[in-house]
C-alpha atoms as a PDB file:
ATOM      1  CA  MET A   1       9.104  93.113  39.420  1.00  0.00           C
ATOM      2  CA  ILE A   2      11.554  91.554  41.868  1.00  0.00           C
ATOM      3  CA  PRO A   3      15.121  91.926  40.579  1.00  0.00           C
ATOM      4  CA  ASP A   4      17.042  88.684  40.169  1.00  0.00           C
ATOM      5  CA  LEU A   5      19.309  89.243  43.150  1.00  0.00           C
ATOM      6  CA  PRO A   6      20.141  87.365  46.355  1.00  0.00           C
ATOM      7  CA  ILE A   7      17.777  88.488  49.128  1.00  0.00           C
ATOM      8  CA  GLU A   8      20.673  89.965  51.103  1.00  0.00           C
ATOM      9  CA  GLU A   9      21.710  92.126  48.143  1.00  0.00           C
ATOM     10  CA  LEU A  10      18.133  93.191  47.434  1.00  0.00           C
ATOM     11  CA  ALA A  11      17.711  94.195  51.080  1.00  0.00           C
ATOM     12  CA  ARG A  12      20.950  96.199  50.951  1.00  0.00           C
ATOM     13  CA  ARG A  13      19.603  98.169  47.998  1.00  0.00           C
ATOM     14  CA  TYR A  14      16.678  99.386  50.111  1.00  0.00           C
ATOM     15  CA  ASN A  15      18.553  99.951  53.375  1.00  0.00           C
ATOM     16  CA  ASN A  16      19.039 103.715  53.301  1.00  0.00           C
ATOM     17  CA  GLY A  17      19.866 103.841  56.991  1.00  0.00           C
ATOM     18  CA  ALA A  18      22.870 101.579  56.478  1.00  0.00           C
ATOM     19  CA  ALA A  19      23.942 103.511  53.381  1.00  0.00           C
ATOM     20  CA  VAL A  20      23.805 106.851  55.244  1.00  0.00           C
ATOM     21  CA  PRO A  21      24.296 105.780  58.875  1.00  0.00           C
ATOM     22  CA  ASP A  22      24.763 109.246  60.376  1.00  0.00           C
ATOM     23  CA  TRP A  23      21.548 110.858  59.140  1.00  0.00           C
ATOM     24  CA  GLN A  24      19.756 110.231  62.450  1.00  0.00           C
ATOM     25  CA  GLN A  25      22.561 111.953  64.358  1.00  0.00           C
ATOM     26  CA  THR A  26      22.948 114.893  61.949  1.00  0.00           C
ATOM     27  CA  LEU A  27      20.039 115.734  59.675  1.00  0.00           C
ATOM     28  CA  LEU A  28      17.102 114.438  61.727  1.00  0.00           C
ATOM     29  CA  PRO A  29      17.930 116.373  64.941  1.00  0.00           C
ATOM     30  CA  ARG A  30      18.407 119.565  62.937  1.00  0.00           C
ATOM     31  CA  TRP A  31      15.116 119.054  61.112  1.00  0.00           C
ATOM     32  CA  GLN A  32      13.376 118.488  64.434  1.00  0.00           C
ATOM     33  CA  ARG A  33      14.873 121.635  65.995  1.00  0.00           C
ATOM     34  CA  GLU A  34      14.035 123.767  62.984  1.00  0.00           C
ATOM     35  CA  SER A  35      10.577 122.191  62.775  1.00  0.00           C
ATOM     36  CA  GLU A  36       9.839 123.217  66.343  1.00  0.00           C
ATOM     37  CA  ARG A  37      10.857 126.778  65.537  1.00  0.00           C
ATOM     38  CA  VAL A  38       8.562 126.824  62.491  1.00  0.00           C
ATOM     39  CA  ARG A  39       5.630 125.542  64.541  1.00  0.00           C
ATOM     40  CA  ASP A  40       6.263 128.228  67.151  1.00  0.00           C
ATOM     41  CA  THR A  41       6.634 131.168  64.780  1.00  0.00           C
ATOM     42  CA  ALA A  42       4.642 130.581  61.598  1.00  0.00           C
ATOM     43  CA  GLY A  43       1.020 131.467  61.100  1.00  0.00           C
ATOM     44  CA  GLY A  44      -1.665 128.962  60.202  1.00  0.00           C
ATOM     45  CA  TYR A  45      -3.341 126.046  61.939  1.00  0.00           C
ATOM     46  CA  ARG A  46      -1.903 123.159  63.962  1.00  0.00           C
ATOM     47  CA  ASP A  47      -3.138 119.593  64.435  1.00  0.00           C
ATOM     48  CA  VAL A  48      -6.166 120.001  62.209  1.00  0.00           C
ATOM     49  CA  VAL A  49      -8.171 116.766  62.442  1.00  0.00           C
ATOM     50  CA  TYR A  50      -9.109 115.310  59.053  1.00  0.00           C
ATOM     51  CA  GLY A  51     -10.105 111.755  59.998  1.00  0.00           C
ATOM     52  CA  PRO A  52     -10.990 109.396  62.866  1.00  0.00           C
ATOM     53  CA  HIS A  53      -7.534 108.023  63.730  1.00  0.00           C
ATOM     54  CA  GLU A  54      -4.967 109.444  66.149  1.00  0.00           C
ATOM     55  CA  ARG A  55      -2.489 110.459  63.456  1.00  0.00           C
ATOM     56  CA  ASN A  56      -5.146 111.850  61.106  1.00  0.00           C
ATOM     57  CA  ARG A  57      -3.896 115.375  61.675  1.00  0.00           C
ATOM     58  CA  LEU A  58      -2.290 117.995  59.481  1.00  0.00           C
ATOM     59  CA  ASP A  59      -0.535 121.309  59.992  1.00  0.00           C
ATOM     60  CA  VAL A  60      -1.081 124.381  57.826  1.00  0.00           C
ATOM     61  CA  PHE A  61       1.769 126.916  57.818  1.00  0.00           C
ATOM     62  CA  THR A  62       1.103 130.351  56.337  1.00  0.00           C
ATOM     63  CA  PRO A  63       3.108 133.542  55.828  1.00  0.00           C
ATOM     64  CA  ALA A  64       2.618 136.557  58.070  1.00  0.00           C
ATOM     65  CA  GLY A  65      -0.106 139.010  57.175  1.00  0.00           C
ATOM     66  CA  ALA A  66      -3.457 138.761  55.484  1.00  0.00           C
ATOM     67  CA  PRO A  67      -3.810 136.073  52.810  1.00  0.00           C
ATOM     68  CA  PRO A  68      -4.545 136.950  49.175  1.00  0.00           C
ATOM     69  CA  PRO A  69      -8.255 137.066  48.231  1.00  0.00           C
ATOM     70  CA  HIS A  70      -8.275 133.398  47.169  1.00  0.00           C
ATOM     71  CA  GLY A  71      -5.828 132.149  49.806  1.00  0.00           C
ATOM     72  CA  TRP A  72      -2.160 131.246  49.700  1.00  0.00           C
ATOM     73  CA  PRO A  73      -0.704 129.041  46.959  1.00  0.00           C
ATOM     74  CA  THR A  74       0.091 125.892  48.902  1.00  0.00           C
ATOM     75  CA  LEU A  75       2.448 122.934  48.917  1.00  0.00           C
ATOM     76  CA  VAL A  76       1.019 119.713  50.368  1.00  0.00           C
ATOM     77  CA  PHE A  77       3.883 117.536  51.645  1.00  0.00           C
ATOM     78  CA  ILE A  78       3.816 113.797  52.463  1.00  0.00           C
ATOM     79  CA  HIS A  79       6.692 112.578  54.610  1.00  0.00           C
ATOM     80  CA  GLY A  80       8.604 109.317  54.253  1.00  0.00           C
ATOM     81  CA  GLY A  81       9.843 106.648  56.651  1.00  0.00           C
ATOM     82  CA  TYR A  82       8.987 103.462  54.714  1.00  0.00           C
ATOM     83  CA  TRP A  83       5.342 103.871  55.774  1.00  0.00           C
ATOM     84  CA  GLN A  84       6.374 102.844  59.308  1.00  0.00           C
ATOM     85  CA  ARG A  85       8.458 105.634  60.856  1.00  0.00           C
ATOM     86  CA  LEU A  86       8.542 109.382  61.577  1.00  0.00           C
ATOM     87  CA  TYR A  87       5.738 111.889  62.123  1.00  0.00           C
ATOM     88  CA  LYS A  88       4.481 115.107  60.589  1.00  0.00           C
ATOM     89  CA  ASP A  89       6.126 117.170  63.361  1.00  0.00           C
ATOM     90  CA  ASP A  90       9.554 116.056  62.131  1.00  0.00           C
ATOM     91  CA  TRP A  91       8.845 117.790  58.818  1.00  0.00           C
ATOM     92  CA  SER A  92       7.484 121.227  59.707  1.00  0.00           C
ATOM     93  CA  VAL A  93      10.858 122.513  58.490  1.00  0.00           C
ATOM     94  CA  ILE A  94       9.718 121.858  54.908  1.00  0.00           C
ATOM     95  CA  ALA A  95       7.355 124.827  55.294  1.00  0.00           C
ATOM     96  CA  ALA A  96      10.102 127.345  56.131  1.00  0.00           C
ATOM     97  CA  PRO A  97      11.240 128.391  52.631  1.00  0.00           C
ATOM     98  CA  PHE A  98       7.670 128.390  51.314  1.00  0.00           C
ATOM     99  CA  ILE A  99       6.259 130.730  53.944  1.00  0.00           C
ATOM    100  CA  ALA A 100       9.334 132.954  53.498  1.00  0.00           C
ATOM    101  CA  ASN A 101       8.399 133.285  49.830  1.00  0.00           C
ATOM    102  CA  GLY A 102       4.693 134.026  50.091  1.00  0.00           C
ATOM    103  CA  MET A 103       3.349 130.486  49.959  1.00  0.00           C
ATOM    104  CA  ALA A 104       1.733 128.137  52.464  1.00  0.00           C
ATOM    105  CA  ALA A 105       2.607 124.533  53.251  1.00  0.00           C
ATOM    106  CA  VAL A 106       0.454 121.702  54.568  1.00  0.00           C
ATOM    107  CA  ILE A 107       2.281 118.813  56.254  1.00  0.00           C
ATOM    108  CA  LEU A 108       0.214 115.629  56.444  1.00  0.00           C
ATOM    109  CA  GLY A 109       0.260 113.078  59.246  1.00  0.00           C
ATOM    110  CA  TYR A 110      -0.947 109.507  58.785  1.00  0.00           C
ATOM    111  CA  THR A 111      -1.172 106.175  60.586  1.00  0.00           C
ATOM    112  CA  LEU A 112       1.940 104.010  60.308  1.00  0.00           C
ATOM    113  CA  CYS A 113       2.335 100.322  59.517  1.00  0.00           C
ATOM    114  CA  PRO A 114       1.754  97.807  61.079  1.00  0.00           C
ATOM    115  CA  GLN A 115      -1.138  99.665  62.749  1.00  0.00           C
ATOM    116  CA  THR A 116      -2.536  99.963  59.232  1.00  0.00           C
ATOM    117  CA  THR A 117      -1.612  98.870  55.699  1.00  0.00           C
ATOM    118  CA  ILE A 118      -0.147 100.799  52.784  1.00  0.00           C
ATOM    119  CA  ARG A 119      -3.614 100.755  51.246  1.00  0.00           C
ATOM    120  CA  GLY A 120      -4.964 102.207  54.478  1.00  0.00           C
ATOM    121  CA  ILE A 121      -2.319 104.953  54.412  1.00  0.00           C
ATOM    122  CA  ALA A 122      -3.163 105.784  50.796  1.00  0.00           C
ATOM    123  CA  ASP A 123      -6.808 106.168  51.775  1.00  0.00           C
ATOM    124  CA  GLU A 124      -5.861 108.473  54.650  1.00  0.00           C
ATOM    125  CA  ILE A 125      -3.744 110.634  52.330  1.00  0.00           C
ATOM    126  CA  GLU A 126      -6.634 110.891  49.870  1.00  0.00           C
ATOM    127  CA  THR A 127      -8.932 111.844  52.757  1.00  0.00           C
ATOM    128  CA  ALA A 128      -6.477 114.483  53.990  1.00  0.00           C
ATOM    129  CA  ILE A 129      -6.072 116.062  50.561  1.00  0.00           C
ATOM    130  CA  SER A 130      -9.841 116.051  50.062  1.00  0.00           C
ATOM    131  CA  TYR A 131     -10.247 117.766  53.417  1.00  0.00           C
ATOM    132  CA  VAL A 132      -7.708 120.480  52.509  1.00  0.00           C
ATOM    133  CA  TRP A 133      -9.394 121.108  49.165  1.00  0.00           C
ATOM    134  CA  LYS A 134     -12.907 121.315  50.619  1.00  0.00           C
ATOM    135  CA  ALA A 135     -11.896 123.355  53.695  1.00  0.00           C
ATOM    136  CA  ALA A 136      -9.480 125.571  51.758  1.00  0.00           C
ATOM    137  CA  GLY A 137     -11.281 128.844  52.488  1.00  0.00           C
ATOM    138  CA  GLY A 138     -11.182 128.318  56.232  1.00  0.00           C
ATOM    139  CA  LEU A 139      -7.524 127.302  56.089  1.00  0.00           C
ATOM    140  CA  SER A 140      -6.443 130.348  54.003  1.00  0.00           C
ATOM    141  CA  VAL A 141      -5.408 127.950  51.228  1.00  0.00           C
ATOM    142  CA  ASN A 142      -5.949 128.554  47.507  1.00  0.00           C
ATOM    143  CA  ARG A 143      -7.344 125.224  46.363  1.00  0.00           C
ATOM    144  CA  ASP A 144      -6.701 126.162  42.734  1.00  0.00           C
ATOM    145  CA  ARG A 145      -2.966 126.477  43.458  1.00  0.00           C
ATOM    146  CA  LEU A 146      -2.109 123.220  45.231  1.00  0.00           C
ATOM    147  CA  ALA A 147       1.176 121.466  44.523  1.00  0.00           C
ATOM    148  CA  LEU A 148       1.967 118.026  45.914  1.00  0.00           C
ATOM    149  CA  ALA A 149       5.349 116.638  46.963  1.00  0.00           C
ATOM    150  CA  GLY A 150       6.556 113.670  48.997  1.00  0.00           C
ATOM    151  CA  HIS A 151       9.772 111.931  49.917  1.00  0.00           C
ATOM    152  CA  SER A 152      10.525 108.180  49.830  1.00  0.00           C
ATOM    153  CA  ALA A 153       7.303 106.487  50.991  1.00  0.00           C
ATOM    154  CA  GLY A 154       5.813 109.947  50.558  1.00  0.00           C
ATOM    155  CA  GLY A 155       7.078 109.847  46.985  1.00  0.00           C
ATOM    156  CA  HIS A 156       5.139 106.616  46.510  1.00  0.00           C
ATOM    157  CA  LEU A 157       2.032 108.268  47.946  1.00  0.00           C
ATOM    158  CA  THR A 158       2.531 111.313  45.728  1.00  0.00           C
ATOM    159  CA  ALA A 159       2.596 109.052  42.676  1.00  0.00           C
ATOM    160  CA  TRP A 160      -0.403 107.136  44.042  1.00  0.00           C
ATOM    161  CA  CYS A 161      -2.308 110.426  44.081  1.00  0.00           C
ATOM    162  CA  MET A 162      -1.636 110.713  40.341  1.00  0.00           C
ATOM    163  CA  THR A 163      -3.667 107.498  39.907  1.00  0.00           C
ATOM    164  CA  THR A 164      -6.573 108.467  42.178  1.00  0.00           C
ATOM    165  CA  ASP A 165     -10.051 109.121  40.799  1.00  0.00           C
ATOM    166  CA  TRP A 166     -10.501 112.414  42.629  1.00  0.00           C
ATOM    167  CA  ALA A 167     -13.922 113.018  41.105  1.00  0.00           C
ATOM    168  CA  VAL A 168     -15.267 110.212  43.315  1.00  0.00           C
ATOM    169  CA  ARG A 169     -14.276 112.368  46.303  1.00  0.00           C
ATOM    170  CA  GLY A 170     -15.888 115.482  44.869  1.00  0.00           C
ATOM    171  CA  LEU A 171     -12.655 117.106  43.667  1.00  0.00           C
ATOM    172  CA  PRO A 172     -11.547 118.041  40.157  1.00  0.00           C
ATOM    173  CA  VAL A 173      -9.990 115.210  38.174  1.00  0.00           C
ATOM    174  CA  THR A 174      -6.728 117.145  38.436  1.00  0.00           C
ATOM    175  CA  PRO A 175      -6.626 118.940  41.804  1.00  0.00           C
ATOM    176  CA  PHE A 176      -2.895 119.805  41.641  1.00  0.00           C
ATOM    177  CA  VAL A 177      -0.892 122.231  39.529  1.00  0.00           C
ATOM    178  CA  ALA A 178       2.204 120.006  39.847  1.00  0.00           C
ATOM    179  CA  ALA A 179       3.527 117.001  41.771  1.00  0.00           C
ATOM    180  CA  THR A 180       7.063 115.958  42.712  1.00  0.00           C
ATOM    181  CA  ALA A 181       8.028 112.522  43.992  1.00  0.00           C
ATOM    182  CA  ILE A 182      11.440 112.676  45.683  1.00  0.00           C
ATOM    183  CA  SER A 183      13.280 109.343  46.018  1.00  0.00           C
ATOM    184  CA  GLY A 184       9.991 107.568  45.505  1.00  0.00           C
ATOM    185  CA  LEU A 185       9.056 103.902  45.356  1.00  0.00           C
ATOM    186  CA  PHE A 186       6.782 103.058  42.462  1.00  0.00           C
ATOM    187  CA  ASP A 187       7.088  99.250  42.363  1.00  0.00           C
ATOM    188  CA  LEU A 188       6.468  97.635  45.758  1.00  0.00           C
ATOM    189  CA  GLU A 189       6.953  94.003  44.796  1.00  0.00           C
ATOM    190  CA  PRO A 190      10.702  94.004  45.670  1.00  0.00           C
ATOM    191  CA  LEU A 191       9.761  94.815  49.264  1.00  0.00           C
ATOM    192  CA  VAL A 192       7.828  91.575  49.757  1.00  0.00           C
ATOM    193  CA  PRO A 193      10.803  89.247  50.421  1.00  0.00           C
ATOM    194  CA  ILE A 194      12.932  91.672  52.481  1.00  0.00           C
ATOM    195  CA  TYR A 195      13.015  92.914  56.070  1.00  0.00           C
ATOM    196  CA  LEU A 196      10.789  95.932  55.420  1.00  0.00           C
ATOM    197  CA  ASN A 197       7.782  93.693  54.900  1.00  0.00           C
ATOM    198  CA  GLU A 198       7.642  92.638  58.553  1.00  0.00           C
ATOM    199  CA  ALA A 199       5.650  95.822  59.191  1.00  0.00           C
ATOM    200  CA  LEU A 200       4.136  96.311  55.739  1.00  0.00           C
ATOM    201  CA  MET A 201       2.587  92.819  55.519  1.00  0.00           C
ATOM    202  CA  LEU A 202       2.381  92.861  51.717  1.00  0.00           C
ATOM    203  CA  ASP A 203       1.810  89.830  49.562  1.00  0.00           C
ATOM    204  CA  ASN A 204       2.750  89.928  45.894  1.00  0.00           C
ATOM    205  CA  ALA A 205      -0.762  90.690  44.689  1.00  0.00           C
ATOM    206  CA  GLU A 206      -1.211  93.616  47.063  1.00  0.00           C
ATOM    207  CA  ALA A 207       2.290  94.909  46.341  1.00  0.00           C
ATOM    208  CA  LEU A 208       1.473  95.037  42.647  1.00  0.00           C
ATOM    209  CA  ALA A 209      -1.942  96.589  43.267  1.00  0.00           C
ATOM    210  CA  MET A 210      -0.348  99.381  45.334  1.00  0.00           C
ATOM    211  CA  SER A 211       2.448 100.057  42.829  1.00  0.00           C
ATOM    212  CA  PRO A 212       1.829 103.324  40.931  1.00  0.00           C
ATOM    213  CA  ALA A 213       4.026 102.153  38.047  1.00  0.00           C
ATOM    214  CA  TYR A 214       1.436  99.490  37.222  1.00  0.00           C
ATOM    215  CA  ARG A 215      -1.617 101.728  37.617  1.00  0.00           C
ATOM    216  CA  GLN A 216      -3.295 104.104  35.204  1.00  0.00           C
ATOM    217  CA  ARG A 217      -2.308 107.716  35.640  1.00  0.00           C
ATOM    218  CA  ARG A 218      -5.449 109.853  35.922  1.00  0.00           C
ATOM    219  CA  VAL A 219      -4.176 113.267  37.062  1.00  0.00           C
ATOM    220  CA  ASP A 220      -2.957 115.506  34.257  1.00  0.00           C
ATOM    221  CA  CYS A 221      -0.420 117.831  35.837  1.00  0.00           C
ATOM    222  CA  GLU A 222       3.348 118.166  35.635  1.00  0.00           C
ATOM    223  CA  PHE A 223       4.917 115.180  37.405  1.00  0.00           C
ATOM    224  CA  THR A 224       8.583 115.049  38.387  1.00  0.00           C
ATOM    225  CA  ALA A 225      10.416 112.002  39.742  1.00  0.00           C
ATOM    226  CA  ALA A 226      13.622 113.152  41.437  1.00  0.00           C
ATOM    227  CA  VAL A 227      16.396 110.956  42.798  1.00  0.00           C
ATOM    228  CA  GLY A 228      19.781 111.697  44.319  1.00  0.00           C
ATOM    229  CA  GLY A 229      22.844 110.814  42.279  1.00  0.00           C
ATOM    230  CA  GLY A 230      24.326 109.035  45.296  1.00  0.00           C
ATOM    231  CA  GLU A 231      21.273 106.947  46.151  1.00  0.00           C
ATOM    232  CA  LEU A 232      21.122 103.168  46.216  1.00  0.00           C
ATOM    233  CA  GLU A 233      20.739 101.282  42.953  1.00  0.00           C
ATOM    234  CA  GLU A 234      17.096 100.338  43.436  1.00  0.00           C
ATOM    235  CA  PHE A 235      16.044 103.965  43.819  1.00  0.00           C
ATOM    236  CA  HIS A 236      17.556 104.754  40.431  1.00  0.00           C
ATOM    237  CA  ARG A 237      15.744 101.757  38.938  1.00  0.00           C
ATOM    238  CA  GLN A 238      12.492 102.854  40.567  1.00  0.00           C
ATOM    239  CA  ASN A 239      12.848 106.365  39.170  1.00  0.00           C
ATOM    240  CA  ALA A 240      13.513 105.084  35.661  1.00  0.00           C
ATOM    241  CA  LEU A 241      10.580 102.692  35.950  1.00  0.00           C
ATOM    242  CA  ILE A 242       7.981 105.417  36.573  1.00  0.00           C
ATOM    243  CA  GLY A 243       9.480 107.454  33.770  1.00  0.00           C
ATOM    244  CA  ALA A 244       9.021 104.543  31.403  1.00  0.00           C
ATOM    245  CA  ALA A 245       5.549 103.643  32.703  1.00  0.00           C
ATOM    246  CA  TRP A 246       3.930 107.077  32.366  1.00  0.00           C
ATOM    247  CA  GLN A 247       4.096 109.661  29.627  1.00  0.00           C
ATOM    248  CA  GLY A 248       5.403 113.126  30.345  1.00  0.00           C
ATOM    249  CA  VAL A 249       7.395 112.353  33.490  1.00  0.00           C
ATOM    250  CA  ARG A 250      10.370 114.563  34.185  1.00  0.00           C
ATOM    251  CA  GLU A 251      13.104 112.228  35.458  1.00  0.00           C
ATOM    252  CA  TRP A 252      15.594 114.270  37.422  1.00  0.00           C
ATOM    253  CA  THR A 253      18.829 113.152  39.069  1.00  0.00           C
ATOM    254  CA  LEU A 254      20.325 115.575  41.583  1.00  0.00           C
ATOM    255  CA  PRO A 255      24.095 114.926  41.586  1.00  0.00           C
ATOM    256  CA  GLY A 256      25.880 114.483  44.883  1.00  0.00           C
ATOM    257  CA  HIS A 257      22.827 113.779  47.006  1.00  0.00           C
ATOM    258  CA  ASN A 258      21.892 110.688  48.977  1.00  0.00           C
ATOM    259  CA  HIS A 259      18.458 109.569  50.138  1.00  0.00           C
ATOM    260  CA  PHE A 260      18.368 112.077  52.983  1.00  0.00           C
ATOM    261  CA  SER A 261      20.382 115.038  51.742  1.00  0.00           C
ATOM    262  CA  ILE A 262      18.076 115.281  48.716  1.00  0.00           C
ATOM    263  CA  VAL A 263      15.006 116.055  50.823  1.00  0.00           C
ATOM    264  CA  ASP A 264      17.082 118.510  52.868  1.00  0.00           C
ATOM    265  CA  GLN A 265      17.276 120.535  49.658  1.00  0.00           C
ATOM    266  CA  LEU A 266      13.584 121.264  50.072  1.00  0.00           C
ATOM    267  CA  THR A 267      14.246 122.984  53.409  1.00  0.00           C
ATOM    268  CA  HIS A 268      16.326 125.776  51.801  1.00  0.00           C
ATOM    269  CA  GLU A 269      15.155 128.478  49.414  1.00  0.00           C
ATOM    270  CA  ASP A 270      18.438 128.715  47.481  1.00  0.00           C
ATOM    271  CA  THR A 271      18.305 125.211  45.947  1.00  0.00           C
ATOM    272  CA  ALA A 272      17.226 123.863  42.584  1.00  0.00           C
ATOM    273  CA  LEU A 273      14.748 121.491  44.251  1.00  0.00           C
ATOM    274  CA  PHE A 274      12.958 124.274  46.115  1.00  0.00           C
ATOM    275  CA  ALA A 275      12.902 126.439  42.983  1.00  0.00           C
ATOM    276  CA  HIS A 276      11.388 123.585  40.984  1.00  0.00           C
ATOM    277  CA  VAL A 277       8.664 122.736  43.509  1.00  0.00           C
ATOM    278  CA  ALA A 278       7.825 126.391  44.149  1.00  0.00           C
ATOM    279  CA  GLN A 279       7.743 127.337  40.478  1.00  0.00           C
ATOM    280  CA  ALA A 280       4.240 126.021  39.869  1.00  0.00           C
ATOM    281  CA  LEU A 281       2.944 127.940  42.893  1.00  0.00           C
ATOM    282  CA  ARG A 282       4.404 131.350  42.045  1.00  0.00           C
END
């Protein structure tokens, strides 16, 4: 559904960079520095190829020492960037509190728009998750203790994975113990008339087809939709929409956080967001 707003106002409600203009000078450089440290010091596997395209790579970060008999409980994280920016290496920092607490983390890379479409990205994410599940033993991952989380566009892809028929890919119908969409987008139709669509190339039909809020939920695990209290209006509407569309959604507003500071909460072990995501893996 496209809100009845002037195009300029609708665009403003999706322009997180304008709403938080200093995030690229403050948060992003810190994430990148800390991510480099994690890649240099953590155990696991780097640049694991899961598909045929250049960005079809993932990183597995594991704690020190021998894994448990069935592998480490593992978070799979899907980064954001409106499907057209950033890279998995910017997000290695997400793994830090998990490996410090006896869990692994897998950070997924994927092709960006306009080199592909949102549908193409969704297929790559499904392929990556299928690879992790099937190769779990060799990656020291416990495939029976996988949690999924994603931020922004990654939140959309996390919700998309709740609508996937995983049995077609040879996985259990419910391959996750829990999933958390952080600042996610669940209705893509409002993106069609605004600046973001220059790279996404959506028409209304495809936007609706790729909107998790209008798809059947197939995966039966705990699903949380989290949004920052200080986020733009459309992100609050999006969060409420998925809560209304699906049964059993935990809608969660984190007071005082904007679109970028909310995901930063997942990089620290002393936060409510980390505790929530890690809970299902403990």
